[in-house]
Amino acid sequence: HFQECTGCSESFIRSDHPMVADLILDHISLDYTDTLMAASGHNAEEAKQKTMKEGGYILVVEGAIPTKDGGVYCTIAGRTAVEILKESAKGAVAILTFGSCSSYGGVQAAHPNPTGSVPVEDIIKDKPIIKVPGCPPISEVMTGIVLYYATFNELPELDGDGRPKQFYGKRIHDSCYRRPY
């Protein structure tokens, strides 16, 4: 969670196909999340550090990354979002950017962009990034991507914008019976 409103997490927990509770309890190990984990403080940080040391995880990022003035516009425990993102991404298999902010910079990156906010892909260049844009993104798309990886142990095919084709490969207007008119 960086420069964001937590709307992506709010959308995520409202998925009903699959239900997030089923996804978390039956299919994945959710080791760290600011909004959904029971642990806090030192216990939460220990869980995060253990997961990062083991590697092989999927990193989910919400929010734009501020870069101006050394990144001081988003600090957590005295560390900038840039530092935390780089450290967190190091052992990740891939990164999921949930929401328009982490996918494209969001409203924070709009002109005049006083904090120098950028999307994740402007900081991390050596990992696959799967964009799930939207404000907020569709909950079933978010859970679908997580479940796809948990089921097949591979990343989904992406379109030219880095979005999963199974959800973004077709426009709803392509199926409209009025389109020829």
C-alpha atoms as a PDB file:
ATOM      1  CA  HIS A   1       0.000   0.000   0.000  1.00  0.00           C
ATOM      2  CA  PHE A   2       1.540   3.254  -1.130  1.00  0.00           C
ATOM      3  CA  GLN A   3      -0.267   6.348  -2.477  1.00  0.00           C
ATOM      4  CA  GLU A   4      -3.781   4.938  -2.652  1.00  0.00           C
ATOM      5  CA  CYS A   5      -7.154   4.924  -0.945  1.00  0.00           C
ATOM      6  CA  THR A   6      -7.435   1.195  -0.068  1.00  0.00           C
ATOM      7  CA  GLY A   7     -10.346   0.944  -2.513  1.00  0.00           C
ATOM      8  CA  CYS A   8      -8.608  -1.944  -4.270  1.00  0.00           C
ATOM      9  CA  SER A   9      -8.480  -3.987  -1.055  1.00  0.00           C
ATOM     10  CA  GLU A  10     -12.074  -3.062  -0.354  1.00  0.00           C
ATOM     11  CA  SER A  11     -13.067  -4.299  -3.799  1.00  0.00           C
ATOM     12  CA  PHE A  12     -10.950  -7.460  -3.423  1.00  0.00           C
ATOM     13  CA  ILE A  13     -12.645  -8.557  -0.215  1.00  0.00           C
ATOM     14  CA  ARG A  14     -16.059  -8.259  -1.865  1.00  0.00           C
ATOM     15  CA  SER A  15     -15.391 -10.891  -4.503  1.00  0.00           C
ATOM     16  CA  ASP A  16     -17.940 -13.664  -4.493  1.00  0.00           C
ATOM     17  CA  HIS A  17     -16.648 -15.845  -7.359  1.00  0.00           C
ATOM     18  CA  PRO A  18     -14.486 -17.081  -5.678  1.00  0.00           C
ATOM     19  CA  MET A  19     -15.137 -15.717  -2.248  1.00  0.00           C
ATOM     20  CA  VAL A  20     -11.999 -14.177  -0.782  1.00  0.00           C
ATOM     21  CA  ALA A  21     -12.363 -16.230   2.400  1.00  0.00           C
ATOM     22  CA  ASP A  22     -12.283 -19.444   0.341  1.00  0.00           C
ATOM     23  CA  LEU A  23      -9.321 -18.201  -1.686  1.00  0.00           C
ATOM     24  CA  ILE A  24      -7.308 -17.268   1.401  1.00  0.00           C
ATOM     25  CA  LEU A  25      -8.263 -20.247   3.553  1.00  0.00           C
ATOM     26  CA  ASP A  26      -8.180 -22.967   0.876  1.00  0.00           C
ATOM     27  CA  HIS A  27      -5.838 -21.937  -1.949  1.00  0.00           C
ATOM     28  CA  ILE A  28      -3.148 -19.420  -1.005  1.00  0.00           C
ATOM     29  CA  SER A  29      -1.007 -18.367   1.901  1.00  0.00           C
ATOM     30  CA  LEU A  30      -1.633 -14.683   2.525  1.00  0.00           C
ATOM     31  CA  ASP A  31       1.496 -13.891   4.497  1.00  0.00           C
ATOM     32  CA  TYR A  32       1.298 -10.121   4.694  1.00  0.00           C
ATOM     33  CA  THR A  33      -1.234  -7.412   3.981  1.00  0.00           C
ATOM     34  CA  ASP A  34      -1.851  -4.227   5.897  1.00  0.00           C
ATOM     35  CA  THR A  35      -5.623  -4.510   5.759  1.00  0.00           C
ATOM     36  CA  LEU A  36      -6.432  -8.228   5.893  1.00  0.00           C
ATOM     37  CA  MET A  37      -3.947  -9.863   8.238  1.00  0.00           C
ATOM     38  CA  ALA A  38      -4.656 -10.517  11.892  1.00  0.00           C
ATOM     39  CA  ALA A  39      -1.072  -9.921  13.020  1.00  0.00           C
ATOM     40  CA  SER A  40       0.272  -6.432  13.600  1.00  0.00           C
ATOM     41  CA  GLY A  41       3.475  -4.727  14.653  1.00  0.00           C
ATOM     42  CA  HIS A  42       6.523  -6.946  15.089  1.00  0.00           C
ATOM     43  CA  ASN A  43       4.601 -10.148  14.298  1.00  0.00           C
ATOM     44  CA  ALA A  44       3.424  -8.744  10.970  1.00  0.00           C
ATOM     45  CA  GLU A  45       6.892  -7.527  10.051  1.00  0.00           C
ATOM     46  CA  GLU A  46       8.401 -10.921  10.972  1.00  0.00           C
ATOM     47  CA  ALA A  47       5.907 -12.661   8.672  1.00  0.00           C
ATOM     48  CA  LYS A  48       6.798 -10.296   5.828  1.00  0.00           C
ATOM     49  CA  GLN A  49      10.547 -10.683   6.332  1.00  0.00           C
ATOM     50  CA  LYS A  50      10.256 -14.494   6.491  1.00  0.00           C
ATOM     51  CA  THR A  51       8.286 -14.596   3.231  1.00  0.00           C
ATOM     52  CA  MET A  52      10.707 -12.236   1.503  1.00  0.00           C
ATOM     53  CA  LYS A  53      13.704 -14.294   2.662  1.00  0.00           C
ATOM     54  CA  GLU A  54      12.157 -17.506   1.292  1.00  0.00           C
ATOM     55  CA  GLY A  55      11.268 -15.845  -2.043  1.00  0.00           C
ATOM     56  CA  GLY A  56       8.979 -17.280  -4.698  1.00  0.00           C
ATOM     57  CA  TYR A  57       5.944 -15.179  -3.782  1.00  0.00           C
ATOM     58  CA  ILE A  58       3.555 -12.981  -5.729  1.00  0.00           C
ATOM     59  CA  LEU A  59       3.767  -9.341  -4.662  1.00  0.00           C
ATOM     60  CA  VAL A  60       0.563  -7.321  -4.860  1.00  0.00           C
ATOM     61  CA  VAL A  61       0.991  -3.544  -4.940  1.00  0.00           C
ATOM     62  CA  GLU A  62      -1.694  -0.913  -4.495  1.00  0.00           C
ATOM     63  CA  GLY A  63      -0.929   2.746  -5.007  1.00  0.00           C
ATOM     64  CA  ALA A  64       1.413   4.960  -6.981  1.00  0.00           C
ATOM     65  CA  ILE A  65       5.044   5.376  -6.009  1.00  0.00           C
ATOM     66  CA  PRO A  66       6.132   8.964  -5.213  1.00  0.00           C
ATOM     67  CA  THR A  67       9.676   9.745  -6.351  1.00  0.00           C
ATOM     68  CA  LYS A  68      10.051  13.533  -6.030  1.00  0.00           C
ATOM     69  CA  ASP A  69      12.285  14.962  -3.301  1.00  0.00           C
ATOM     70  CA  GLY A  70      13.742  11.548  -2.530  1.00  0.00           C
ATOM     71  CA  GLY A  71      10.315   9.928  -2.144  1.00  0.00           C
ATOM     72  CA  VAL A  72       9.458  11.734   1.112  1.00  0.00           C
ATOM     73  CA  TYR A  73       5.760  11.960   0.221  1.00  0.00           C
ATOM     74  CA  CYS A  74       5.146   8.356   1.221  1.00  0.00           C
ATOM     75  CA  THR A  75       7.269   6.960   4.014  1.00  0.00           C
ATOM     76  CA  ILE A  76       6.555   4.040   6.301  1.00  0.00           C
ATOM     77  CA  ALA A  77       8.671   3.683   9.433  1.00  0.00           C
ATOM     78  CA  GLY A  78      11.117   6.192   7.962  1.00  0.00           C
ATOM     79  CA  ARG A  79      11.550   4.297   4.668  1.00  0.00           C
ATOM     80  CA  THR A  80      10.328   5.541   1.311  1.00  0.00           C
ATOM     81  CA  ALA A  81       7.865   3.707  -0.888  1.00  0.00           C
ATOM     82  CA  VAL A  82      10.639   3.285  -3.481  1.00  0.00           C
ATOM     83  CA  GLU A  83      12.880   1.530  -0.941  1.00  0.00           C
ATOM     84  CA  ILE A  84      10.091  -0.696   0.330  1.00  0.00           C
ATOM     85  CA  LEU A  85       8.948  -1.597  -3.192  1.00  0.00           C
ATOM     86  CA  LYS A  86      12.459  -2.538  -4.333  1.00  0.00           C
ATOM     87  CA  GLU A  87      13.061  -4.654  -1.233  1.00  0.00           C
ATOM     88  CA  SER A  88       9.658  -6.347  -1.480  1.00  0.00           C
ATOM     89  CA  ALA A  89      10.032  -7.070  -5.203  1.00  0.00           C
ATOM     90  CA  LYS A  90      13.460  -8.656  -4.909  1.00  0.00           C
ATOM     91  CA  GLY A  91      12.269 -12.218  -4.161  1.00  0.00           C
ATOM     92  CA  ALA A  92       8.947 -11.999  -6.007  1.00  0.00           C
ATOM     93  CA  VAL A  93       8.093 -14.275  -8.917  1.00  0.00           C
ATOM     94  CA  ALA A  94       5.855 -11.549 -10.315  1.00  0.00           C
ATOM     95  CA  ILE A  95       4.088  -8.372  -9.299  1.00  0.00           C
ATOM     96  CA  LEU A  96       0.351  -7.753  -9.492  1.00  0.00           C
ATOM     97  CA  THR A  97      -0.559  -4.084  -9.647  1.00  0.00           C
ATOM     98  CA  PHE A  98      -4.075  -3.744  -8.315  1.00  0.00           C
ATOM     99  CA  GLY A  99      -5.761  -0.508  -9.372  1.00  0.00           C
ATOM    100  CA  SER A 100      -5.039   2.366 -11.687  1.00  0.00           C
ATOM    101  CA  CYS A 101      -2.621   3.988  -9.236  1.00  0.00           C
ATOM    102  CA  SER A 102      -0.041   1.178  -9.191  1.00  0.00           C
ATOM    103  CA  SER A 103      -0.772   0.226 -12.818  1.00  0.00           C
ATOM    104  CA  TYR A 104      -0.611   3.691 -14.418  1.00  0.00           C
ATOM    105  CA  GLY A 105       0.105   6.244 -11.670  1.00  0.00           C
ATOM    106  CA  GLY A 106      -3.526   7.103 -11.028  1.00  0.00           C
ATOM    107  CA  VAL A 107      -4.809  10.487  -9.963  1.00  0.00           C
ATOM    108  CA  GLN A 108      -1.606  11.107  -7.990  1.00  0.00           C
ATOM    109  CA  ALA A 109       0.384  11.199 -11.249  1.00  0.00           C
ATOM    110  CA  ALA A 110      -2.005  13.690 -12.880  1.00  0.00           C
ATOM    111  CA  HIS A 111      -0.614  17.080 -13.841  1.00  0.00           C
ATOM    112  CA  PRO A 112       1.047  18.797 -12.048  1.00  0.00           C
ATOM    113  CA  ASN A 113       2.051  15.607 -10.154  1.00  0.00           C
ATOM    114  CA  PRO A 114       3.586  17.396  -7.156  1.00  0.00           C
ATOM    115  CA  THR A 115       4.906  14.181  -5.577  1.00  0.00           C
ATOM    116  CA  GLY A 116       6.442  12.761  -8.769  1.00  0.00           C
ATOM    117  CA  SER A 117       4.214   9.690  -8.580  1.00  0.00           C
ATOM    118  CA  VAL A 118       4.841   6.849 -11.019  1.00  0.00           C
ATOM    119  CA  PRO A 119       3.447   3.358 -11.605  1.00  0.00           C
ATOM    120  CA  VAL A 120       5.299   0.276 -10.363  1.00  0.00           C
ATOM    121  CA  GLU A 121       6.734  -0.488 -13.818  1.00  0.00           C
ATOM    122  CA  ASP A 122       8.747   2.751 -13.712  1.00  0.00           C
ATOM    123  CA  ILE A 123      10.632   1.463 -10.661  1.00  0.00           C
ATOM    124  CA  ILE A 124      10.791  -2.327 -11.119  1.00  0.00           C
ATOM    125  CA  LYS A 125      12.215  -3.419 -14.469  1.00  0.00           C
ATOM    126  CA  ASP A 126      13.318  -7.014 -13.856  1.00  0.00           C
ATOM    127  CA  LYS A 127      10.056  -8.757 -12.866  1.00  0.00           C
ATOM    128  CA  PRO A 128       6.896  -9.661 -14.753  1.00  0.00           C
ATOM    129  CA  ILE A 129       4.193  -7.128 -13.913  1.00  0.00           C
ATOM    130  CA  ILE A 130       0.538  -8.021 -14.338  1.00  0.00           C
ATOM    131  CA  LYS A 131      -1.671  -4.947 -14.386  1.00  0.00           C
ATOM    132  CA  VAL A 132      -5.184  -5.125 -13.008  1.00  0.00           C
ATOM    133  CA  PRO A 133      -6.308  -1.514 -13.499  1.00  0.00           C
ATOM    134  CA  GLY A 134      -9.525   0.098 -12.433  1.00  0.00           C
ATOM    135  CA  CYS A 135     -10.636   2.466  -9.728  1.00  0.00           C
ATOM    136  CA  PRO A 136     -11.289   0.163  -8.058  1.00  0.00           C
ATOM    137  CA  PRO A 137     -10.578  -2.919 -10.148  1.00  0.00           C
ATOM    138  CA  ILE A 138     -13.238  -5.586 -10.504  1.00  0.00           C
ATOM    139  CA  SER A 139     -13.001  -7.938  -7.522  1.00  0.00           C
ATOM    140  CA  GLU A 140     -13.489 -11.117  -9.552  1.00  0.00           C
ATOM    141  CA  VAL A 141     -10.624 -10.101 -11.838  1.00  0.00           C
ATOM    142  CA  MET A 142      -8.316  -9.670  -8.849  1.00  0.00           C
ATOM    143  CA  THR A 143      -9.234 -12.996  -7.273  1.00  0.00           C
ATOM    144  CA  GLY A 144      -9.235 -14.647 -10.710  1.00  0.00           C
ATOM    145  CA  ILE A 145      -5.609 -13.700 -11.340  1.00  0.00           C
ATOM    146  CA  VAL A 146      -4.511 -14.907  -7.911  1.00  0.00           C
ATOM    147  CA  LEU A 147      -6.444 -18.165  -8.325  1.00  0.00           C
ATOM    148  CA  TYR A 148      -5.086 -18.669 -11.854  1.00  0.00           C
ATOM    149  CA  TYR A 149      -1.521 -18.578 -10.544  1.00  0.00           C
ATOM    150  CA  ALA A 150      -2.394 -20.771  -7.538  1.00  0.00           C
ATOM    151  CA  THR A 151      -4.029 -23.334  -9.838  1.00  0.00           C
ATOM    152  CA  PHE A 152      -1.627 -23.459 -12.784  1.00  0.00           C
ATOM    153  CA  ASN A 153       1.592 -22.198 -11.154  1.00  0.00           C
ATOM    154  CA  GLU A 154       2.167 -19.913 -14.124  1.00  0.00           C
ATOM    155  CA  LEU A 155       1.347 -16.374 -15.074  1.00  0.00           C
ATOM    156  CA  PRO A 156      -1.598 -15.688 -17.379  1.00  0.00           C
ATOM    157  CA  GLU A 157      -1.150 -14.492 -20.945  1.00  0.00           C
ATOM    158  CA  LEU A 158      -1.056 -10.693 -21.109  1.00  0.00           C
ATOM    159  CA  ASP A 159      -2.266  -8.185 -23.665  1.00  0.00           C
ATOM    160  CA  GLY A 160      -0.122  -5.383 -25.075  1.00  0.00           C
ATOM    161  CA  ASP A 161      -0.799  -3.250 -21.990  1.00  0.00           C
ATOM    162  CA  GLY A 162       0.321  -5.932 -19.524  1.00  0.00           C
ATOM    163  CA  ARG A 163      -3.218  -6.893 -18.513  1.00  0.00           C
ATOM    164  CA  PRO A 164      -4.474 -10.507 -18.331  1.00  0.00           C
ATOM    165  CA  LYS A 165      -6.058 -11.412 -21.666  1.00  0.00           C
ATOM    166  CA  GLN A 166      -8.716 -13.600 -20.097  1.00  0.00           C
ATOM    167  CA  PHE A 167     -10.268 -10.449 -18.607  1.00  0.00           C
ATOM    168  CA  TYR A 168      -9.072  -7.658 -20.883  1.00  0.00           C
ATOM    169  CA  GLY A 169      -8.825  -9.438 -24.243  1.00  0.00           C
ATOM    170  CA  LYS A 170     -12.197  -8.309 -25.511  1.00  0.00           C
ATOM    171  CA  ARG A 171     -14.218  -5.121 -25.240  1.00  0.00           C
ATOM    172  CA  ILE A 172     -17.796  -5.464 -24.058  1.00  0.00           C
ATOM    173  CA  HIS A 173     -18.817  -3.435 -27.123  1.00  0.00           C
ATOM    174  CA  ASP A 174     -17.505  -6.215 -29.397  1.00  0.00           C
ATOM    175  CA  SER A 175     -20.482  -8.346 -28.334  1.00  0.00           C
ATOM    176  CA  CYS A 176     -23.105  -5.613 -28.596  1.00  0.00           C
ATOM    177  CA  TYR A 177     -25.871  -6.395 -31.071  1.00  0.00           C
ATOM    178  CA  ARG A 178     -26.096  -2.660 -31.854  1.00  0.00           C
ATOM    179  CA  ARG A 179     -22.478  -2.374 -32.953  1.00  0.00           C
ATOM    180  CA  PRO A 180     -23.165  -2.779 -36.700  1.00  0.00           C
ATOM    181  CA  TYR A 181     -25.541   0.164 -36.506  1.00  0.00           C
END
